[in-house]
């Protein structure tokens, strides 16, 4: 399963001093037999993610899947 996300904004973590981001939108990419699904409601929009890997793990947990069962990419900026 392929998911695409957009970053809402980046901030620095006061704990780790590393860059973080919030998710603006996350969608499951369309396939030939299914439309694109907006799954933004499954992600806490106020949470500061430290990496796409962390976001993938959170999404997998919400969907009841193994993290390896889904792929995640950042949406291209227009």
Protein backbone atom coordinates (compact mmCIF):
# COMPACT_ATOMS: atom_id res chain seq x y z
CA UNK A 1 0.00 0.00 0.00
CA UNK A 2 1.38 3.39 -0.99
CA UNK A 3 0.64 6.51 1.04
CA UNK A 4 1.56 10.09 0.23
CA UNK A 5 1.78 12.87 2.80
CA UNK A 6 2.28 16.62 2.83
CA UNK A 7 4.20 18.45 5.52
CA UNK A 8 2.38 21.26 7.21
CA UNK A 9 5.42 22.92 8.78
CA UNK A 10 8.79 22.14 10.27
CA UNK A 11 10.00 22.99 13.77
CA UNK A 12 12.99 22.01 15.91
CA UNK A 13 12.45 19.58 18.75
CA UNK A 14 13.29 21.15 22.11
CA UNK A 15 14.29 17.70 23.39
CA UNK A 16 16.48 16.38 20.57
CA UNK A 17 17.24 19.66 18.73
CA UNK A 18 16.39 17.92 15.46
CA UNK A 19 13.98 19.02 12.74
CA UNK A 20 10.40 17.77 13.05
CA UNK A 21 7.28 18.19 10.94
CA UNK A 22 3.51 18.00 11.21
CA UNK A 23 1.38 16.21 8.65
CA UNK A 24 -0.96 18.40 6.66
CA UNK A 25 -2.60 15.59 4.71
CA UNK A 26 -2.07 11.88 4.15
CA UNK A 27 -3.66 9.93 1.33
CA UNK A 28 -3.64 6.36 0.14
CA UNK A 29 -2.61 6.48 -3.51
CA UNK A 30 -5.14 5.41 -6.08
CA UNK A 31 -4.97 2.08 -7.83
CA UNK A 32 -6.72 1.07 -11.02
CA UNK A 33 -9.72 -0.28 -9.09
CA UNK A 34 -9.86 2.11 -6.10
CA UNK A 35 -9.92 5.90 -5.77
CA UNK A 36 -7.48 7.96 -3.73
CA UNK A 37 -8.51 7.96 -0.06
CA UNK A 38 -7.83 10.86 2.32
CA UNK A 39 -6.78 9.32 5.64
CA UNK A 40 -5.75 12.53 7.37
CA UNK A 41 -8.20 11.86 10.19
CA UNK A 42 -6.10 8.85 11.27
CA UNK A 43 -3.08 11.00 12.10
CA UNK A 44 -2.77 13.47 14.96
CA UNK A 45 -2.29 16.78 13.15
CA UNK A 46 -0.66 18.39 16.19
CA UNK A 47 2.06 15.74 16.59
CA UNK A 48 5.63 16.66 15.62
CA UNK A 49 7.08 13.72 13.68
CA UNK A 50 10.85 13.32 13.70
CA UNK A 51 11.01 11.29 10.48
CA UNK A 52 8.92 9.74 7.71
CA UNK A 53 9.81 6.39 9.30
CA UNK A 54 8.06 7.41 12.52
CA UNK A 55 5.01 8.51 10.52
CA UNK A 56 5.00 5.16 8.68
CA UNK A 57 5.03 3.28 12.01
CA UNK A 58 2.17 5.37 13.40
CA UNK A 59 0.10 4.88 10.24
CA UNK A 60 0.78 1.13 10.22
CA UNK A 61 -0.35 0.92 13.85
CA UNK A 62 -3.58 2.80 13.06
CA UNK A 63 -4.31 0.50 10.13
CA UNK A 64 -3.33 -2.70 11.93
CA UNK A 65 -0.56 -3.48 9.44
CA UNK A 66 3.11 -4.29 9.68
CA UNK A 67 5.20 -1.21 8.82
CA UNK A 68 6.81 -3.16 5.97
CA UNK A 69 3.36 -3.59 4.38
CA UNK A 70 3.11 0.08 3.46
CA UNK A 71 5.24 2.57 1.61
CA UNK A 72 5.28 6.28 2.32
CA UNK A 73 6.44 9.22 0.22
CA UNK A 74 6.28 12.95 0.54
CA UNK A 75 4.01 14.67 -1.98
CA UNK A 76 5.75 16.80 -4.57
CA UNK A 77 5.29 20.51 -4.00
CA UNK A 78 3.46 22.29 -6.78
